[in-house]
PDB file of N, CA and C in Angstrom:
ATOM      1  N   MET A   1       0.820  -1.195   0.000  1.00  0.00           N
ATOM      2  CA  MET A   1       0.000   0.000   0.000  1.00  0.00           C
ATOM      3  C   MET A   1       0.866   1.262   0.000  1.00  0.00           C
ATOM      4  N   ILE A   2       1.880   1.243   0.853  1.00  0.00           N
ATOM      5  CA  ILE A   2       2.764   2.406   0.934  1.00  0.00           C
ATOM      6  C   ILE A   2       3.462   2.627  -0.404  1.00  0.00           C
ATOM      7  N   PHE A   3       3.931   1.549  -1.012  1.00  0.00           N
ATOM      8  CA  PHE A   3       4.589   1.646  -2.316  1.00  0.00           C
ATOM      9  C   PHE A   3       3.676   2.326  -3.333  1.00  0.00           C
ATOM     10  N   ASP A   4       2.405   1.918  -3.373  1.00  0.00           N
ATOM     11  CA  ASP A   4       1.459   2.519  -4.315  1.00  0.00           C
ATOM     12  C   ASP A   4       1.276   4.008  -4.057  1.00  0.00           C
ATOM     13  N   VAL A   5       1.134   4.380  -2.798  1.00  0.00           N
ATOM     14  CA  VAL A   5       0.947   5.793  -2.451  1.00  0.00           C
ATOM     15  C   VAL A   5       2.170   6.610  -2.868  1.00  0.00           C
ATOM     16  N   GLU A   6       3.349   6.099  -2.530  1.00  0.00           N
ATOM     17  CA  GLU A   6       4.564   6.842  -2.864  1.00  0.00           C
ATOM     18  C   GLU A   6       4.741   6.995  -4.373  1.00  0.00           C
ATOM     19  N   ASN A   7       4.412   5.967  -5.118  1.00  0.00           N
ATOM     20  CA  ASN A   7       4.597   6.022  -6.572  1.00  0.00           C
ATOM     21  C   ASN A   7       3.465   6.724  -7.303  1.00  0.00           C
ATOM     22  N   ASP A   8       2.231   6.542  -6.852  1.00  0.00           N
ATOM     23  CA  ASP A   8       1.094   7.179  -7.526  1.00  0.00           C
ATOM     24  C   ASP A   8       1.076   8.695  -7.329  1.00  0.00           C
ATOM     25  N   PHE A   9       1.486   9.152  -6.154  1.00  0.00           N
ATOM     26  CA  PHE A   9       1.295  10.566  -5.812  1.00  0.00           C
ATOM     27  C   PHE A   9       2.584  11.327  -5.519  1.00  0.00           C
ATOM     28  N   TRP A  10       3.732  10.639  -5.563  1.00  0.00           N
ATOM     29  CA  TRP A  10       5.008  11.264  -5.241  1.00  0.00           C
ATOM     30  C   TRP A  10       4.984  11.846  -3.827  1.00  0.00           C
ATOM     31  N   ILE A  11       4.524  10.982  -2.911  1.00  0.00           N
ATOM     32  CA  ILE A  11       4.453  11.300  -1.486  1.00  0.00           C
ATOM     33  C   ILE A  11       5.442  10.397  -0.766  1.00  0.00           C
ATOM     34  N   ASN A  12       6.141  10.931   0.211  1.00  0.00           N
ATOM     35  CA  ASN A  12       7.030  10.129   1.039  1.00  0.00           C
ATOM     36  C   ASN A  12       6.265   9.693   2.286  1.00  0.00           C
ATOM     37  N   VAL A  13       6.191   8.387   2.542  1.00  0.00           N
ATOM     38  CA  VAL A  13       5.525   7.865   3.738  1.00  0.00           C
ATOM     39  C   VAL A  13       6.614   7.483   4.737  1.00  0.00           C
ATOM     40  N   GLU A  14       6.529   8.051   5.939  1.00  0.00           N
ATOM     41  CA  GLU A  14       7.559   7.866   6.961  1.00  0.00           C
ATOM     42  C   GLU A  14       6.939   7.423   8.275  1.00  0.00           C
ATOM     43  N   ASP A  15       7.781   6.852   9.137  1.00  0.00           N
ATOM     44  CA  ASP A  15       7.352   6.552  10.500  1.00  0.00           C
ATOM     45  C   ASP A  15       7.261   7.856  11.277  1.00  0.00           C
ATOM     46  N   GLY A  16       6.220   7.957  12.109  1.00  0.00           N
ATOM     47  CA  GLY A  16       6.040   9.122  12.963  1.00  0.00           C
ATOM     48  C   GLY A  16       6.170   8.725  14.424  1.00  0.00           C
ATOM     49  N   PHE A  17       6.719   9.610  15.230  1.00  0.00           N
ATOM     50  CA  PHE A  17       6.987   9.312  16.633  1.00  0.00           C
ATOM     51  C   PHE A  17       6.339  10.324  17.571  1.00  0.00           C
ATOM     52  N   GLU A  18       5.308  11.027  17.084  1.00  0.00           N
ATOM     53  CA  GLU A  18       4.676  12.076  17.878  1.00  0.00           C
ATOM     54  C   GLU A  18       3.314  11.671  18.415  1.00  0.00           C
ATOM     55  N   GLY A  19       2.944  10.399  18.293  1.00  0.00           N
ATOM     56  CA  GLY A  19       1.665   9.943  18.824  1.00  0.00           C
ATOM     57  C   GLY A  19       0.481  10.226  17.932  1.00  0.00           C
ATOM     58  N   ASN A  20       0.737  10.570  16.666  1.00  0.00           N
ATOM     59  CA  ASN A  20      -0.345  10.861  15.735  1.00  0.00           C
ATOM     60  C   ASN A  20       0.159  10.628  14.316  1.00  0.00           C
ATOM     61  N   SER A  21      -0.756  10.565  13.377  1.00  0.00           N
ATOM     62  CA  SER A  21      -0.402  10.448  11.963  1.00  0.00           C
ATOM     63  C   SER A  21      -0.802  11.743  11.268  1.00  0.00           C
ATOM     64  N   TYR A  22      -0.019  12.130  10.257  1.00  0.00           N
ATOM     65  CA  TYR A  22      -0.214  13.434   9.623  1.00  0.00           C
ATOM     66  C   TYR A  22       0.003  13.377   8.117  1.00  0.00           C
ATOM     67  N   TRP A  23      -0.670  14.266   7.397  1.00  0.00           N
ATOM     68  CA  TRP A  23      -0.360  14.620   6.012  1.00  0.00           C
ATOM     69  C   TRP A  23       0.287  15.991   6.094  1.00  0.00           C
ATOM     70  N   ILE A  24       1.497  16.111   5.565  1.00  0.00           N
ATOM     71  CA  ILE A  24       2.228  17.369   5.590  1.00  0.00           C
ATOM     72  C   ILE A  24       2.546  17.753   4.141  1.00  0.00           C
ATOM     73  N   PRO A  25       1.789  18.688   3.558  1.00  0.00           N
ATOM     74  CA  PRO A  25       2.074  19.071   2.169  1.00  0.00           C
ATOM     75  C   PRO A  25       3.350  19.909   2.074  1.00  0.00           C
ATOM     76  N   THR A  26       4.072  19.716   1.005  1.00  0.00           N
ATOM     77  CA  THR A  26       5.217  20.571   0.714  1.00  0.00           C
ATOM     78  C   THR A  26       4.673  21.911   0.224  1.00  0.00           C
ATOM     79  N   PRO A  27       5.162  23.027   0.763  1.00  0.00           N
ATOM     80  CA  PRO A  27       4.685  24.330   0.273  1.00  0.00           C
ATOM     81  C   PRO A  27       4.858  24.437  -1.243  1.00  0.00           C
ATOM     82  N   ASP A  28       3.858  24.999  -1.895  1.00  0.00           N
ATOM     83  CA  ASP A  28       3.852  25.078  -3.359  1.00  0.00           C
ATOM     84  C   ASP A  28       5.121  25.711  -3.927  1.00  0.00           C
ATOM     85  N   ASP A  29       5.653  26.732  -3.241  1.00  0.00           N
ATOM     86  CA  ASP A  29       6.836  27.418  -3.772  1.00  0.00           C
ATOM     87  C   ASP A  29       8.124  26.608  -3.601  1.00  0.00           C
ATOM     88  N   GLU A  30       8.059  25.475  -2.885  1.00  0.00           N
ATOM     89  CA  GLU A  30       9.239  24.633  -2.693  1.00  0.00           C
ATOM     90  C   GLU A  30       9.234  23.387  -3.576  1.00  0.00           C
ATOM     91  N   ILE A  31       8.152  23.164  -4.297  1.00  0.00           N
ATOM     92  CA  ILE A  31       8.051  21.955  -5.111  1.00  0.00           C
ATOM     93  C   ILE A  31       8.798  22.146  -6.423  1.00  0.00           C
ATOM     94  N   ASP A  32       9.666  21.187  -6.715  1.00  0.00           N
ATOM     95  CA  ASP A  32      10.304  21.128  -8.025  1.00  0.00           C
ATOM     96  C   ASP A  32      10.292  19.667  -8.462  1.00  0.00           C
ATOM     97  N   GLU A  33      10.954  19.355  -9.548  1.00  0.00           N
ATOM     98  CA  GLU A  33      10.861  17.999 -10.090  1.00  0.00           C
ATOM     99  C   GLU A  33      11.469  16.940  -9.178  1.00  0.00           C
ATOM    100  N   ASP A  34      12.322  17.319  -8.233  1.00  0.00           N
ATOM    101  CA  ASP A  34      12.946  16.361  -7.322  1.00  0.00           C
ATOM    102  C   ASP A  34      12.298  16.335  -5.944  1.00  0.00           C
ATOM    103  N   GLU A  35      11.297  17.146  -5.727  1.00  0.00           N
ATOM    104  CA  GLU A  35      10.691  17.296  -4.403  1.00  0.00           C
ATOM    105  C   GLU A  35       9.400  16.497  -4.306  1.00  0.00           C
ATOM    106  N   PHE A  36       9.223  15.804  -3.175  1.00  0.00           N
ATOM    107  CA  PHE A  36       7.961  15.123  -2.917  1.00  0.00           C
ATOM    108  C   PHE A  36       6.842  16.148  -2.775  1.00  0.00           C
ATOM    109  N   ILE A  37       5.630  15.763  -3.157  1.00  0.00           N
ATOM    110  CA  ILE A  37       4.449  16.619  -3.019  1.00  0.00           C
ATOM    111  C   ILE A  37       4.129  16.831  -1.544  1.00  0.00           C
ATOM    112  N   GLY A  38       4.488  15.860  -0.740  1.00  0.00           N
ATOM    113  CA  GLY A  38       4.246  15.949   0.690  1.00  0.00           C
ATOM    114  C   GLY A  38       4.737  14.704   1.393  1.00  0.00           C
ATOM    115  N   ILE A  39       4.495  14.686   2.692  1.00  0.00           N
ATOM    116  CA  ILE A  39       4.909  13.571   3.538  1.00  0.00           C
ATOM    117  C   ILE A  39       3.697  13.091   4.317  1.00  0.00           C
ATOM    118  N   ILE A  40       3.568  11.792   4.426  1.00  0.00           N
ATOM    119  CA  ILE A  40       2.609  11.198   5.352  1.00  0.00           C
ATOM    120  C   ILE A  40       3.431  10.548   6.447  1.00  0.00           C
ATOM    121  N   GLU A  41       3.182  10.953   7.682  1.00  0.00           N
ATOM    122  CA  GLU A  41       3.811  10.314   8.833  1.00  0.00           C
ATOM    123  C   GLU A  41       2.784   9.402   9.470  1.00  0.00           C
ATOM    124  N   LEU A  42       3.160   8.140   9.674  1.00  0.00           N
ATOM    125  CA  LEU A  42       2.285   7.164  10.323  1.00  0.00           C
ATOM    126  C   LEU A  42       2.854   6.822  11.689  1.00  0.00           C
ATOM    127  N   ASP A  43       2.058   7.011  12.716  1.00  0.00           N
ATOM    128  CA  ASP A  43       2.469   6.747  14.087  1.00  0.00           C
ATOM    129  C   ASP A  43       2.930   5.296  14.232  1.00  0.00           C
ATOM    130  N   VAL A  44       4.154   5.105  14.711  1.00  0.00           N
ATOM    131  CA  VAL A  44       4.726   3.762  14.833  1.00  0.00           C
ATOM    132  C   VAL A  44       4.035   2.915  15.895  1.00  0.00           C
ATOM    133  N   SER A  45       3.320   3.539  16.812  1.00  0.00           N
ATOM    134  CA  SER A  45       2.679   2.775  17.887  1.00  0.00           C
ATOM    135  C   SER A  45       1.334   2.174  17.474  1.00  0.00           C
ATOM    136  N   LEU A  46       0.865   2.490  16.270  1.00  0.00           N
ATOM    137  CA  LEU A  46      -0.423   1.963  15.825  1.00  0.00           C
ATOM    138  C   LEU A  46      -0.327   0.476  15.505  1.00  0.00           C
ATOM    139  N   LYS A  47      -1.424  -0.231  15.754  1.00  0.00           N
ATOM    140  CA  LYS A  47      -1.528  -1.635  15.355  1.00  0.00           C
ATOM    141  C   LYS A  47      -1.611  -1.689  13.833  1.00  0.00           C
ATOM    142  N   PRO A  48      -1.298  -2.834  13.223  1.00  0.00           N
ATOM    143  CA  PRO A  48      -1.290  -2.912  11.752  1.00  0.00           C
ATOM    144  C   PRO A  48      -2.572  -2.412  11.079  1.00  0.00           C
ATOM    145  N   PHE A  49      -3.747  -2.815  11.555  1.00  0.00           N
ATOM    146  CA  PHE A  49      -4.978  -2.347  10.919  1.00  0.00           C
ATOM    147  C   PHE A  49      -5.153  -0.844  11.105  1.00  0.00           C
ATOM    148  N   GLU A  50      -4.778  -0.334  12.265  1.00  0.00           N
ATOM    149  CA  GLU A  50      -4.863   1.107  12.510  1.00  0.00           C
ATOM    150  C   GLU A  50      -3.919   1.875  11.579  1.00  0.00           C
ATOM    151  N   ARG A  51      -2.750   1.304  11.278  1.00  0.00           N
ATOM    152  CA  ARG A  51      -1.808   1.943  10.333  1.00  0.00           C
ATOM    153  C   ARG A  51      -2.407   1.999   8.933  1.00  0.00           C
ATOM    154  N   ILE A  52      -3.089   0.918   8.534  1.00  0.00           N
ATOM    155  CA  ILE A  52      -3.754   0.904   7.230  1.00  0.00           C
ATOM    156  C   ILE A  52      -4.815   1.999   7.186  1.00  0.00           C
ATOM    157  N   CYS A  53      -5.605   2.082   8.255  1.00  0.00           N
ATOM    158  CA  CYS A  53      -6.654   3.112   8.319  1.00  0.00           C
ATOM    159  C   CYS A  53      -6.047   4.508   8.298  1.00  0.00           C
ATOM    160  N   ALA A  54      -4.981   4.705   9.062  1.00  0.00           N
ATOM    161  CA  ALA A  54      -4.329   6.018   9.105  1.00  0.00           C
ATOM    162  C   ALA A  54      -3.761   6.384   7.738  1.00  0.00           C
ATOM    163  N   LEU A  55      -3.149   5.421   7.059  1.00  0.00           N
ATOM    164  CA  LEU A  55      -2.622   5.688   5.721  1.00  0.00           C
ATOM    165  C   LEU A  55      -3.748   6.099   4.779  1.00  0.00           C
ATOM    166  N   ALA A  56      -4.846   5.359   4.804  1.00  0.00           N
ATOM    167  CA  ALA A  56      -5.984   5.693   3.939  1.00  0.00           C
ATOM    168  C   ALA A  56      -6.502   7.095   4.249  1.00  0.00           C
ATOM    169  N   HIS A  57      -6.640   7.407   5.533  1.00  0.00           N
ATOM    170  CA  HIS A  57      -7.135   8.726   5.936  1.00  0.00           C
ATOM    171  C   HIS A  57      -6.204   9.843   5.449  1.00  0.00           C
ATOM    172  N   GLU A  58      -4.915   9.660   5.625  1.00  0.00           N
ATOM    173  CA  GLU A  58      -3.968  10.700   5.206  1.00  0.00           C
ATOM    174  C   GLU A  58      -3.920  10.827   3.684  1.00  0.00           C
ATOM    175  N   VAL A  59      -4.111   9.723   2.961  1.00  0.00           N
ATOM    176  CA  VAL A  59      -4.241   9.806   1.500  1.00  0.00           C
ATOM    177  C   VAL A  59      -5.471  10.642   1.149  1.00  0.00           C
ATOM    178  N   GLY A  60      -6.543  10.479   1.921  1.00  0.00           N
ATOM    179  CA  GLY A  60      -7.728  11.310   1.719  1.00  0.00           C
ATOM    180  C   GLY A  60      -7.413  12.786   1.878  1.00  0.00           C
ATOM    181  N   HIS A  61      -6.566  13.118   2.859  1.00  0.00           N
ATOM    182  CA  HIS A  61      -6.146  14.521   3.020  1.00  0.00           C
ATOM    183  C   HIS A  61      -5.346  14.992   1.807  1.00  0.00           C
ATOM    184  N   TYR A  62      -4.547  14.101   1.240  1.00  0.00           N
ATOM    185  CA  TYR A  62      -3.832  14.458   0.006  1.00  0.00           C
ATOM    186  C   TYR A  62      -4.834  14.855  -1.082  1.00  0.00           C
ATOM    187  N   PHE A  63      -5.890  14.053  -1.266  1.00  0.00           N
ATOM    188  CA  PHE A  63      -6.890  14.369  -2.289  1.00  0.00           C
ATOM    189  C   PHE A  63      -7.556  15.715  -2.013  1.00  0.00           C
ATOM    190  N   LEU A  64      -7.847  16.001  -0.757  1.00  0.00           N
ATOM    191  CA  LEU A  64      -8.436  17.298  -0.411  1.00  0.00           C
ATOM    192  C   LEU A  64      -7.447  18.433  -0.695  1.00  0.00           C
ATOM    193  N   HIS A  65      -6.171  18.185  -0.445  1.00  0.00           N
ATOM    194  CA  HIS A  65      -5.139  19.197  -0.703  1.00  0.00           C
ATOM    195  C   HIS A  65      -5.041  19.506  -2.203  1.00  0.00           C
ATOM    196  N   VAL A  66      -5.095  18.467  -3.018  1.00  0.00           N
ATOM    197  CA  VAL A  66      -5.006  18.650  -4.471  1.00  0.00           C
ATOM    198  C   VAL A  66      -6.168  19.497  -4.982  1.00  0.00           C
ATOM    199  N   ASP A  67      -7.334  19.317  -4.375  1.00  0.00           N
ATOM    200  CA  ASP A  67      -8.538  20.048  -4.795  1.00  0.00           C
ATOM    201  C   ASP A  67      -8.883  21.121  -3.757  1.00  0.00           C
ATOM    202  N   LYS A  68      -7.858  21.780  -3.215  1.00  0.00           N
ATOM    203  CA  LYS A  68      -8.062  22.686  -2.081  1.00  0.00           C
ATOM    204  C   LYS A  68      -8.946  23.889  -2.386  1.00  0.00           C
ATOM    205  N   LYS A  69      -8.978  24.347  -3.621  1.00  0.00           N
ATOM    206  CA  LYS A  69      -9.834  25.496  -3.936  1.00  0.00           C
ATOM    207  C   LYS A  69     -11.300  25.167  -3.683  1.00  0.00           C
ATOM    208  N   PHE A  70     -11.685  23.933  -3.979  1.00  0.00           N
ATOM    209  CA  PHE A  70     -13.073  23.530  -3.772  1.00  0.00           C
ATOM    210  C   PHE A  70     -13.386  23.363  -2.287  1.00  0.00           C
ATOM    211  N   TRP A  71     -12.438  22.808  -1.519  1.00  0.00           N
ATOM    212  CA  TRP A  71     -12.695  22.463  -0.117  1.00  0.00           C
ATOM    213  C   TRP A  71     -12.194  23.503   0.870  1.00  0.00           C
ATOM    214  N   MET A  72     -11.546  24.570   0.408  1.00  0.00           N
ATOM    215  CA  MET A  72     -10.877  25.521   1.295  1.00  0.00           C
ATOM    216  C   MET A  72     -11.784  26.067   2.395  1.00  0.00           C
ATOM    217  N   ASN A  73     -13.008  26.410   2.088  1.00  0.00           N
ATOM    218  CA  ASN A  73     -13.892  27.033   3.075  1.00  0.00           C
ATOM    219  C   ASN A  73     -14.825  26.045   3.762  1.00  0.00           C
ATOM    220  N   SER A  74     -14.582  24.758   3.597  1.00  0.00           N
ATOM    221  CA  SER A  74     -15.425  23.747   4.237  1.00  0.00           C
ATOM    222  C   SER A  74     -15.051  23.596   5.704  1.00  0.00           C
ATOM    223  N   SER A  75     -16.000  23.128   6.476  1.00  0.00           N
ATOM    224  CA  SER A  75     -15.781  22.836   7.887  1.00  0.00           C
ATOM    225  C   SER A  75     -14.666  21.805   8.039  1.00  0.00           C
ATOM    226  N   SER A  76     -13.851  21.968   9.079  1.00  0.00           N
ATOM    227  CA  SER A  76     -12.768  21.006   9.307  1.00  0.00           C
ATOM    228  C   SER A  76     -13.316  19.611   9.604  1.00  0.00           C
ATOM    229  N   VAL A  77     -14.483  19.521  10.224  1.00  0.00           N
ATOM    230  CA  VAL A  77     -15.087  18.210  10.500  1.00  0.00           C
ATOM    231  C   VAL A  77     -15.513  17.551   9.190  1.00  0.00           C
ATOM    232  N   ILE A  78     -16.040  18.335   8.265  1.00  0.00           N
ATOM    233  CA  ILE A  78     -16.400  17.789   6.949  1.00  0.00           C
ATOM    234  C   ILE A  78     -15.144  17.287   6.244  1.00  0.00           C
ATOM    235  N   LYS A  79     -14.060  18.060   6.294  1.00  0.00           N
ATOM    236  CA  LYS A  79     -12.822  17.637   5.644  1.00  0.00           C
ATOM    237  C   LYS A  79     -12.270  16.362   6.273  1.00  0.00           C
ATOM    238  N   GLU A  80     -12.330  16.259   7.595  1.00  0.00           N
ATOM    239  CA  GLU A  80     -11.859  15.040   8.262  1.00  0.00           C
ATOM    240  C   GLU A  80     -12.672  13.832   7.814  1.00  0.00           C
ATOM    241  N   SER A  81     -13.981  13.980   7.776  1.00  0.00           N
ATOM    242  CA  SER A  81     -14.856  12.879   7.357  1.00  0.00           C
ATOM    243  C   SER A  81     -14.603  12.504   5.902  1.00  0.00           C
ATOM    244  N   LEU A  82     -14.475  13.495   5.048  1.00  0.00           N
ATOM    245  CA  LEU A  82     -14.204  13.231   3.630  1.00  0.00           C
ATOM    246  C   LEU A  82     -12.861  12.545   3.424  1.00  0.00           C
ATOM    247  N   ALA A  83     -11.871  12.920   4.203  1.00  0.00           N
ATOM    248  CA  ALA A  83     -10.561  12.285   4.073  1.00  0.00           C
ATOM    249  C   ALA A  83     -10.662  10.787   4.355  1.00  0.00           C
ATOM    250  N   TRP A  84     -11.456  10.416   5.350  1.00  0.00           N
ATOM    251  CA  TRP A  84     -11.656   8.985   5.631  1.00  0.00           C
ATOM    252  C   TRP A  84     -12.295   8.294   4.436  1.00  0.00           C
ATOM    253  N   TYR A  85     -13.307   8.905   3.879  1.00  0.00           N
ATOM    254  CA  TYR A  85     -14.018   8.313   2.745  1.00  0.00           C
ATOM    255  C   TYR A  85     -13.125   8.223   1.502  1.00  0.00           C
ATOM    256  N   LEU A  86     -12.458   9.312   1.155  1.00  0.00           N
ATOM    257  CA  LEU A  86     -11.645   9.347  -0.062  1.00  0.00           C
ATOM    258  C   LEU A  86     -10.493   8.351  -0.011  1.00  0.00           C
ATOM    259  N   GLY A  87      -9.862   8.233   1.143  1.00  0.00           N
ATOM    260  CA  GLY A  87      -8.769   7.273   1.279  1.00  0.00           C
ATOM    261  C   GLY A  87      -9.242   5.842   1.125  1.00  0.00           C
ATOM    262  N   TYR A  88     -10.381   5.536   1.728  1.00  0.00           N
ATOM    263  CA  TYR A  88     -10.950   4.188   1.594  1.00  0.00           C
ATOM    264  C   TYR A  88     -11.260   3.894   0.130  1.00  0.00           C
ATOM    265  N   GLU A  89     -11.891   4.834  -0.543  1.00  0.00           N
ATOM    266  CA  GLU A  89     -12.267   4.632  -1.946  1.00  0.00           C
ATOM    267  C   GLU A  89     -11.042   4.475  -2.851  1.00  0.00           C
ATOM    268  N   TYR A  90      -9.970   5.201  -2.554  1.00  0.00           N
ATOM    269  CA  TYR A  90      -8.743   5.050  -3.341  1.00  0.00           C
ATOM    270  C   TYR A  90      -8.227   3.619  -3.243  1.00  0.00           C
ATOM    271  N   PHE A  91      -8.087   3.113  -2.017  1.00  0.00           N
ATOM    272  CA  PHE A  91      -7.541   1.767  -1.854  1.00  0.00           C
ATOM    273  C   PHE A  91      -8.484   0.700  -2.394  1.00  0.00           C
ATOM    274  N   LYS A  92      -9.779   0.926  -2.285  1.00  0.00           N
ATOM    275  CA  LYS A  92     -10.751   0.002  -2.885  1.00  0.00           C
ATOM    276  C   LYS A  92     -10.568  -0.034  -4.404  1.00  0.00           C
ATOM    277  N   ALA A  93     -10.419   1.133  -5.020  1.00  0.00           N
ATOM    278  CA  ALA A  93     -10.215   1.202  -6.468  1.00  0.00           C
ATOM    279  C   ALA A  93      -8.896   0.547  -6.890  1.00  0.00           C
ATOM    280  N   MET A  94      -7.917   0.549  -5.996  1.00  0.00           N
ATOM    281  CA  MET A  94      -6.625  -0.077  -6.284  1.00  0.00           C
ATOM    282  C   MET A  94      -6.669  -1.596  -6.088  1.00  0.00           C
ATOM    283  N   GLY A  95      -7.807  -2.107  -5.592  1.00  0.00           N
ATOM    284  CA  GLY A  95      -7.956  -3.547  -5.417  1.00  0.00           C
ATOM    285  C   GLY A  95      -7.639  -4.064  -4.028  1.00  0.00           C
ATOM    286  N   TYR A  96      -7.379  -3.170  -3.083  1.00  0.00           N
ATOM    287  CA  TYR A  96      -7.115  -3.594  -1.709  1.00  0.00           C
ATOM    288  C   TYR A  96      -8.425  -3.885  -0.999  1.00  0.00           C
ATOM    289  N   LYS A  97      -8.408  -4.873  -0.139  1.00  0.00           N
ATOM    290  CA  LYS A  97      -9.584  -5.242   0.649  1.00  0.00           C
ATOM    291  C   LYS A  97      -9.379  -4.742   2.079  1.00  0.00           C
ATOM    292  N   ILE A  98     -10.173  -3.780   2.465  1.00  0.00           N
ATOM    293  CA  ILE A  98     -10.167  -3.266   3.836  1.00  0.00           C
ATOM    294  C   ILE A  98     -11.553  -3.542   4.390  1.00  0.00           C
ATOM    295  N   ASP A  99     -11.615  -4.193   5.543  1.00  0.00           N
ATOM    296  CA  ASP A  99     -12.903  -4.503   6.162  1.00  0.00           C
ATOM    297  C   ASP A  99     -13.675  -3.197   6.364  1.00  0.00           C
ATOM    298  N   LYS A 100     -14.756  -3.054   5.607  1.00  0.00           N
ATOM    299  CA  LYS A 100     -15.504  -1.789   5.588  1.00  0.00           C
ATOM    300  C   LYS A 100     -16.078  -1.444   6.961  1.00  0.00           C
ATOM    301  N   GLU A 101     -16.620  -2.430   7.653  1.00  0.00           N
ATOM    302  CA  GLU A 101     -17.227  -2.165   8.959  1.00  0.00           C
ATOM    303  C   GLU A 101     -16.167  -1.761   9.987  1.00  0.00           C
ATOM    304  N   GLU A 102     -15.043  -2.464   9.993  1.00  0.00           N
ATOM    305  CA  GLU A 102     -13.971  -2.116  10.931  1.00  0.00           C
ATOM    306  C   GLU A 102     -13.370  -0.744  10.586  1.00  0.00           C
ATOM    307  N   TYR A 103     -13.259  -0.455   9.304  1.00  0.00           N
ATOM    308  CA  TYR A 103     -12.761   0.852   8.874  1.00  0.00           C
ATOM    309  C   TYR A 103     -13.726   1.947   9.320  1.00  0.00           C
ATOM    310  N   ARG A 104     -15.017   1.703   9.149  1.00  0.00           N
ATOM    311  CA  ARG A 104     -16.029   2.681   9.567  1.00  0.00           C
ATOM    312  C   ARG A 104     -15.933   2.946  11.063  1.00  0.00           C
ATOM    313  N   LYS A 105     -15.747   1.875  11.848  1.00  0.00           N
ATOM    314  CA  LYS A 105     -15.617   2.034  13.305  1.00  0.00           C
ATOM    315  C   LYS A 105     -14.391   2.879  13.655  1.00  0.00           C
ATOM    316  N   GLU A 106     -13.276   2.592  12.999  1.00  0.00           N
ATOM    317  CA  GLU A 106     -12.046   3.347  13.258  1.00  0.00           C
ATOM    318  C   GLU A 106     -12.219   4.812  12.853  1.00  0.00           C
ATOM    319  N   ALA A 107     -12.833   5.036  11.698  1.00  0.00           N
ATOM    320  CA  ALA A 107     -13.074   6.407  11.236  1.00  0.00           C
ATOM    321  C   ALA A 107     -13.981   7.151  12.208  1.00  0.00           C
ATOM    322  N   SER A 108     -15.054   6.502  12.646  1.00  0.00           N
ATOM    323  CA  SER A 108     -15.987   7.139  13.586  1.00  0.00           C
ATOM    324  C   SER A 108     -15.297   7.479  14.894  1.00  0.00           C
ATOM    325  N   LYS A 109     -14.488   6.541  15.402  1.00  0.00           N
ATOM    326  CA  LYS A 109     -13.755   6.773  16.650  1.00  0.00           C
ATOM    327  C   LYS A 109     -12.837   7.987  16.506  1.00  0.00           C
ATOM    328  N   CYS A 110     -12.132   8.068  15.395  1.00  0.00           N
ATOM    329  CA  CYS A 110     -11.178   9.160  15.186  1.00  0.00           C
ATOM    330  C   CYS A 110     -11.872  10.501  14.944  1.00  0.00           C
ATOM    331  N   VAL A 111     -12.950  10.510  14.182  1.00  0.00           N
ATOM    332  CA  VAL A 111     -13.687  11.760  13.954  1.00  0.00           C
ATOM    333  C   VAL A 111     -14.301  12.240  15.268  1.00  0.00           C
ATOM    334  N   ASP A 112     -14.841  11.323  16.065  1.00  0.00           N
ATOM    335  CA  ASP A 112     -15.383  11.699  17.376  1.00  0.00           C
ATOM    336  C   ASP A 112     -14.298  12.323  18.255  1.00  0.00           C
ATOM    337  N   ALA A 113     -13.111  11.717  18.267  1.00  0.00           N
ATOM    338  CA  ALA A 113     -12.004  12.261  19.059  1.00  0.00           C
ATOM    339  C   ALA A 113     -11.602  13.642  18.544  1.00  0.00           C
ATOM    340  N   TYR A 114     -11.628  13.821  17.240  1.00  0.00           N
ATOM    341  CA  TYR A 114     -11.300  15.117  16.642  1.00  0.00           C
ATOM    342  C   TYR A 114     -12.311  16.181  17.071  1.00  0.00           C
ATOM    343  N   VAL A 115     -13.588  15.845  17.032  1.00  0.00           N
ATOM    344  CA  VAL A 115     -14.639  16.789  17.445  1.00  0.00           C
ATOM    345  C   VAL A 115     -14.479  17.131  18.924  1.00  0.00           C
ATOM    346  N   ARG A 116     -14.193  16.129  19.759  1.00  0.00           N
ATOM    347  CA  ARG A 116     -13.979  16.393  21.191  1.00  0.00           C
ATOM    348  C   ARG A 116     -12.792  17.339  21.398  1.00  0.00           C
ATOM    349  N   SER A 117     -11.724  17.155  20.602  1.00  0.00           N
ATOM    350  CA  SER A 117     -10.558  18.033  20.755  1.00  0.00           C
ATOM    351  C   SER A 117     -10.891  19.465  20.334  1.00  0.00           C
ATOM    352  N   LEU A 118     -11.705  19.613  19.289  1.00  0.00           N
ATOM    353  CA  LEU A 118     -12.139  20.960  18.883  1.00  0.00           C
ATOM    354  C   LEU A 118     -12.981  21.612  19.972  1.00  0.00           C
ATOM    355  N   ASN A 119     -13.897  20.847  20.553  1.00  0.00           N
ATOM    356  CA  ASN A 119     -14.748  21.377  21.622  1.00  0.00           C
ATOM    357  C   ASN A 119     -13.920  21.761  22.842  1.00  0.00           C
ATOM    358  N   ALA A 120     -12.922  20.959  23.179  1.00  0.00           N
ATOM    359  CA  ALA A 120     -12.062  21.271  24.320  1.00  0.00           C
ATOM    360  C   ALA A 120     -11.296  22.573  24.076  1.00  0.00           C
ATOM    361  N   LYS A 121     -10.819  22.773  22.848  1.00  0.00           N
ATOM    362  CA  LYS A 121     -10.109  24.017  22.515  1.00  0.00           C
ATOM    363  C   LYS A 121     -11.034  25.221  22.635  1.00  0.00           C
ATOM    364  N   ARG A 122     -12.269  25.062  22.159  1.00  0.00           N
ATOM    365  CA  ARG A 122     -13.236  26.171  22.239  1.00  0.00           C
ATOM    366  C   ARG A 122     -13.570  26.506  23.688  1.00  0.00           C
ATOM    367  N   ASN A 123     -13.718  25.481  24.509  1.00  0.00           N
ATOM    368  CA  ASN A 123     -14.101  25.683  25.904  1.00  0.00           C
ATOM    369  C   ASN A 123     -12.956  26.220  26.753  1.00  0.00           C
ATOM    370  N   SER A 124     -11.714  26.010  26.329  1.00  0.00           N
ATOM    371  CA  SER A 124     -10.581  26.488  27.120  1.00  0.00           C
ATOM    372  C   SER A 124     -10.172  27.911  26.751  1.00  0.00           C
ATOM    373  N   GLY A 125     -10.685  28.404  25.654  1.00  0.00           N
ATOM    374  CA  GLY A 125     -10.240  29.721  25.191  1.00  0.00           C
ATOM    375  C   GLY A 125     -11.304  30.687  25.253  1.00  0.00           C
TER     376      GLY A 125
END
């Protein structure tokens, strides 16, 4: 899966050690023919299925980044949810089998945690 992502999109997938997984786009003014479009960091502490889910989700963020003019003013919760969907659909189209129900559970758990973190930030400030 990682090989496909790196080759299809010119993204570097790396181990992450910060307790989270991220899509980090390369700033547009720094991209040249030798530069990756971005980096996906996958938290090394995740279980194998969670790593697959995280990779799919971060690929979804890549798709949102590519089409950023359309999604720029969308709610961050909508973007998070769409990233889960788009990543799943990409891997499905590539022929990978990801348990849809387990993926949905993982996505729901993560989106719920994201919403709770947004609410905590609002309530603390």
